[in-house]
Amino acid sequence: MKPEMLLLLWAVVLTFAHVLIAASGAFMQVGLPMLAGNRDNMPALTGWAGRAQRAHRNMLENLVLSLRRSYSWSSQRVGPTR
């Protein structure tokens, strides 16, 4: 496996870990009914739950850029062409 794809795989694993951490923090602060219902009036998360939510959103934004970069690197031909 190419190093770029391996790093991308680990980034996806880290993103999934961010999902679990952010969801558990939100669950502890606002509870399941608020998370499962309409989120129009959801209060802002504070403390580590708010930080986990921001880190998760930041990781999602950067993952899109990483996907694009890894795809362009992996699609380039390396070696002699015929």
N, C-alpha and C. Protein backbone atom coordinates (compact mmCIF):
# COMPACT_ATOMS: atom_id res chain seq x y z
N MET A 1 0.85 -1.18 0.00
CA MET A 1 0.00 0.00 0.00
C MET A 1 0.89 1.24 0.00
N LYS A 2 0.51 2.21 -0.80
CA LYS A 2 1.30 3.44 -0.87
C LYS A 2 1.21 4.21 0.45
N PRO A 3 2.26 4.94 0.80
CA PRO A 3 2.25 5.68 2.07
C PRO A 3 1.12 6.70 2.15
N GLU A 4 0.78 7.32 1.02
CA GLU A 4 -0.30 8.31 1.03
C GLU A 4 -1.63 7.67 1.41
N MET A 5 -1.88 6.49 0.86
CA MET A 5 -3.13 5.80 1.16
C MET A 5 -3.16 5.30 2.61
N LEU A 6 -2.01 4.90 3.12
CA LEU A 6 -1.94 4.46 4.51
C LEU A 6 -2.22 5.63 5.45
N LEU A 7 -1.66 6.78 5.16
CA LEU A 7 -1.93 7.97 5.98
C LEU A 7 -3.40 8.38 5.88
N LEU A 8 -3.96 8.26 4.70
CA LEU A 8 -5.38 8.59 4.53
C LEU A 8 -6.26 7.62 5.32
N LEU A 9 -5.89 6.35 5.32
CA LEU A 9 -6.64 5.37 6.11
C LEU A 9 -6.60 5.72 7.59
N TRP A 10 -5.43 6.10 8.10
CA TRP A 10 -5.33 6.48 9.51
C TRP A 10 -6.08 7.77 9.80
N ALA A 11 -6.16 8.67 8.84
CA ALA A 11 -6.94 9.90 9.03
C ALA A 11 -8.42 9.58 9.15
N VAL A 12 -8.90 8.60 8.37
CA VAL A 12 -10.30 8.19 8.47
C VAL A 12 -10.57 7.54 9.83
N VAL A 13 -9.64 6.74 10.31
CA VAL A 13 -9.79 6.12 11.64
C VAL A 13 -9.84 7.20 12.71
N LEU A 14 -8.97 8.21 12.60
CA LEU A 14 -8.96 9.30 13.56
C LEU A 14 -10.26 10.10 13.50
N THR A 15 -10.79 10.30 12.30
CA THR A 15 -12.07 11.01 12.16
C THR A 15 -13.19 10.24 12.83
N PHE A 16 -13.20 8.93 12.68
CA PHE A 16 -14.22 8.12 13.34
C PHE A 16 -14.08 8.22 14.86
N ALA A 17 -12.86 8.25 15.36
CA ALA A 17 -12.66 8.43 16.80
C ALA A 17 -13.17 9.79 17.26
N HIS A 18 -12.97 10.81 16.43
CA HIS A 18 -13.50 12.14 16.76
C HIS A 18 -15.03 12.12 16.83
N VAL A 19 -15.66 11.37 15.95
CA VAL A 19 -17.12 11.26 15.98
C VAL A 19 -17.57 10.69 17.32
N LEU A 20 -16.94 9.61 17.74
CA LEU A 20 -17.34 8.97 18.99
C LEU A 20 -17.11 9.87 20.19
N ILE A 21 -15.99 10.56 20.23
CA ILE A 21 -15.68 11.44 21.36
C ILE A 21 -16.63 12.63 21.39
N ALA A 22 -16.87 13.26 20.23
CA ALA A 22 -17.77 14.42 20.19
C ALA A 22 -19.21 14.02 20.53
N ALA A 23 -19.64 12.87 20.04
CA ALA A 23 -21.01 12.42 20.34
C ALA A 23 -21.18 12.09 21.82
N SER A 24 -20.17 11.47 22.41
CA SER A 24 -20.30 11.15 23.84
C SER A 24 -20.29 12.42 24.69
N GLY A 25 -19.49 13.41 24.31
CA GLY A 25 -19.49 14.67 25.04
C GLY A 25 -20.82 15.40 24.94
N ALA A 26 -21.39 15.42 23.73
CA ALA A 26 -22.69 16.05 23.55
C ALA A 26 -23.77 15.30 24.30
N PHE A 27 -23.69 13.99 24.30
CA PHE A 27 -24.67 13.17 25.03
C PHE A 27 -24.62 13.46 26.52
N MET A 28 -23.42 13.63 27.06
CA MET A 28 -23.28 13.89 28.49
C MET A 28 -23.79 15.28 28.87
N GLN A 29 -23.70 16.24 27.94
CA GLN A 29 -24.12 17.61 28.28
C GLN A 29 -25.60 17.86 28.03
N VAL A 30 -26.14 17.42 26.90
CA VAL A 30 -27.52 17.78 26.57
C VAL A 30 -28.47 16.61 26.60
N GLY A 31 -27.98 15.39 26.60
CA GLY A 31 -28.84 14.22 26.70
C GLY A 31 -29.32 13.72 25.34
N LEU A 32 -29.83 12.50 25.37
CA LEU A 32 -30.26 11.84 24.14
C LEU A 32 -31.49 12.48 23.50
N PRO A 33 -32.51 12.88 24.26
CA PRO A 33 -33.68 13.48 23.59
C PRO A 33 -33.33 14.73 22.77
N MET A 34 -32.42 15.55 23.27
CA MET A 34 -32.03 16.75 22.53
C MET A 34 -31.23 16.37 21.29
N LEU A 35 -30.37 15.39 21.39
CA LEU A 35 -29.56 14.97 20.24
C LEU A 35 -30.40 14.26 19.19
N ALA A 36 -31.40 13.52 19.60
CA ALA A 36 -32.24 12.78 18.66
C ALA A 36 -33.34 13.64 18.06
N GLY A 37 -33.64 14.76 18.67
CA GLY A 37 -34.73 15.60 18.20
C GLY A 37 -34.26 16.71 17.27
N ASN A 38 -35.11 17.70 17.15
CA ASN A 38 -34.82 18.86 16.32
C ASN A 38 -33.71 19.68 17.00
N ARG A 39 -32.67 20.02 16.27
CA ARG A 39 -31.53 20.71 16.87
C ARG A 39 -31.56 22.21 16.66
N ASP A 40 -32.72 22.76 16.39
CA ASP A 40 -32.81 24.22 16.20
C ASP A 40 -32.48 24.97 17.48
N ASN A 41 -32.90 24.47 18.61
CA ASN A 41 -32.70 25.17 19.88
C ASN A 41 -31.65 24.48 20.75
N MET A 42 -30.71 23.83 20.15
CA MET A 42 -29.68 23.12 20.92
C MET A 42 -28.70 24.13 21.52
N PRO A 43 -28.44 24.02 22.81
CA PRO A 43 -27.49 24.95 23.42
C PRO A 43 -26.07 24.68 22.95
N ALA A 44 -25.23 25.69 23.04
CA ALA A 44 -23.82 25.53 22.65
C ALA A 44 -23.13 24.62 23.65
N LEU A 45 -22.32 23.73 23.15
CA LEU A 45 -21.58 22.83 24.02
C LEU A 45 -20.39 23.57 24.63
N THR A 46 -20.12 23.29 25.87
CA THR A 46 -19.03 23.97 26.57
C THR A 46 -18.01 22.94 27.04
N GLY A 47 -16.87 23.43 27.45
CA GLY A 47 -15.83 22.56 28.00
C GLY A 47 -15.26 21.63 26.94
N TRP A 48 -14.91 20.42 27.38
CA TRP A 48 -14.27 19.49 26.47
C TRP A 48 -15.21 19.00 25.38
N ALA A 49 -16.52 19.00 25.64
CA ALA A 49 -17.47 18.58 24.62
C ALA A 49 -17.50 19.57 23.46
N GLY A 50 -17.45 20.85 23.77
CA GLY A 50 -17.39 21.86 22.72
C GLY A 50 -16.10 21.79 21.94
N ARG A 51 -15.00 21.54 22.64
CA ARG A 51 -13.71 21.40 21.96
C ARG A 51 -13.69 20.17 21.06
N ALA A 52 -14.28 19.07 21.52
CA ALA A 52 -14.34 17.85 20.72
C ALA A 52 -15.19 18.07 19.47
N GLN A 53 -16.28 18.81 19.61
CA GLN A 53 -17.13 19.10 18.45
C GLN A 53 -16.38 19.96 17.43
N ARG A 54 -15.67 20.96 17.89
CA ARG A 54 -14.90 21.80 16.96
C ARG A 54 -13.77 21.02 16.30
N ALA A 55 -13.11 20.15 17.06
CA ALA A 55 -12.03 19.33 16.50
C ALA A 55 -12.57 18.37 15.44
N HIS A 56 -13.75 17.81 15.70
CA HIS A 56 -14.37 16.91 14.73
C HIS A 56 -14.72 17.64 13.43
N ARG A 57 -15.31 18.80 13.55
CA ARG A 57 -15.66 19.57 12.35
C ARG A 57 -14.41 20.00 11.58
N ASN A 58 -13.36 20.37 12.30
CA ASN A 58 -12.11 20.74 11.66
C ASN A 58 -11.51 19.55 10.92
N MET A 59 -11.57 18.37 11.53
CA MET A 59 -11.04 17.17 10.89
C MET A 59 -11.82 16.83 9.62
N LEU A 60 -13.14 17.00 9.64
CA LEU A 60 -13.94 16.74 8.45
C LEU A 60 -13.58 17.70 7.31
N GLU A 61 -13.38 18.97 7.65
CA GLU A 61 -13.01 19.94 6.61
C GLU A 61 -11.65 19.59 6.00
N ASN A 62 -10.70 19.21 6.83
CA ASN A 62 -9.37 18.90 6.34
C ASN A 62 -9.29 17.54 5.66
N LEU A 63 -10.20 16.63 6.01
CA LEU A 63 -10.20 15.33 5.37
C LEU A 63 -10.55 15.44 3.90
N VAL A 64 -11.43 16.36 3.56
CA VAL A 64 -11.79 16.56 2.16
C VAL A 64 -10.57 16.99 1.36
N LEU A 65 -9.78 17.90 1.90
CA LEU A 65 -8.56 18.33 1.22
C LEU A 65 -7.55 17.20 1.12
N SER A 66 -7.46 16.39 2.16
CA SER A 66 -6.53 15.27 2.14
C SER A 66 -6.95 14.22 1.12
N LEU A 67 -8.25 13.99 1.01
CA LEU A 67 -8.74 13.04 0.00
C LEU A 67 -8.36 13.50 -1.39
N ARG A 68 -8.54 14.75 -1.65
CA ARG A 68 -8.23 15.30 -2.98
C ARG A 68 -6.74 15.18 -3.26
N ARG A 69 -5.92 15.53 -2.30
CA ARG A 69 -4.47 15.46 -2.49
C ARG A 69 -4.01 14.02 -2.66
N SER A 70 -4.53 13.11 -1.86
CA SER A 70 -4.13 11.71 -1.97
C SER A 70 -4.58 11.12 -3.29
N TYR A 71 -5.75 11.50 -3.75
CA TYR A 71 -6.24 10.99 -5.03
C TYR A 71 -5.37 11.49 -6.17
N SER A 72 -4.98 12.75 -6.13
CA SER A 72 -4.15 13.28 -7.21
C SER A 72 -2.76 12.65 -7.19
N TRP A 73 -2.23 12.38 -5.98
CA TRP A 73 -0.92 11.74 -5.89
C TRP A 73 -0.98 10.30 -6.36
N SER A 74 -2.04 9.59 -6.00
CA SER A 74 -2.10 8.17 -6.36
C SER A 74 -2.43 7.97 -7.83
N SER A 75 -3.04 8.96 -8.46
CA SER A 75 -3.40 8.80 -9.87
C SER A 75 -2.26 9.18 -10.80
N GLN A 76 -1.20 9.77 -10.28
CA GLN A 76 -0.06 10.12 -11.12
C GLN A 76 0.73 8.88 -11.44
N ARG A 77 1.22 8.82 -12.66
CA ARG A 77 2.04 7.68 -13.06
C ARG A 77 3.46 7.87 -12.55
N VAL A 78 3.99 6.79 -12.03
CA VAL A 78 5.39 6.81 -11.57
C VAL A 78 6.12 5.75 -12.36
N GLY A 79 7.25 6.12 -12.90
CA GLY A 79 8.05 5.17 -13.66
C GLY A 79 7.98 5.46 -15.15
N PRO A 80 8.58 4.61 -15.93
CA PRO A 80 8.62 4.85 -17.39
C PRO A 80 7.24 4.68 -18.01
N THR A 81 6.96 5.51 -18.97
CA THR A 81 5.71 5.41 -19.71
C THR A 81 5.97 4.72 -21.03
N ARG A 82 4.97 4.09 -21.57
CA ARG A 82 5.13 3.37 -22.83
C ARG A 82 4.69 4.18 -23.99
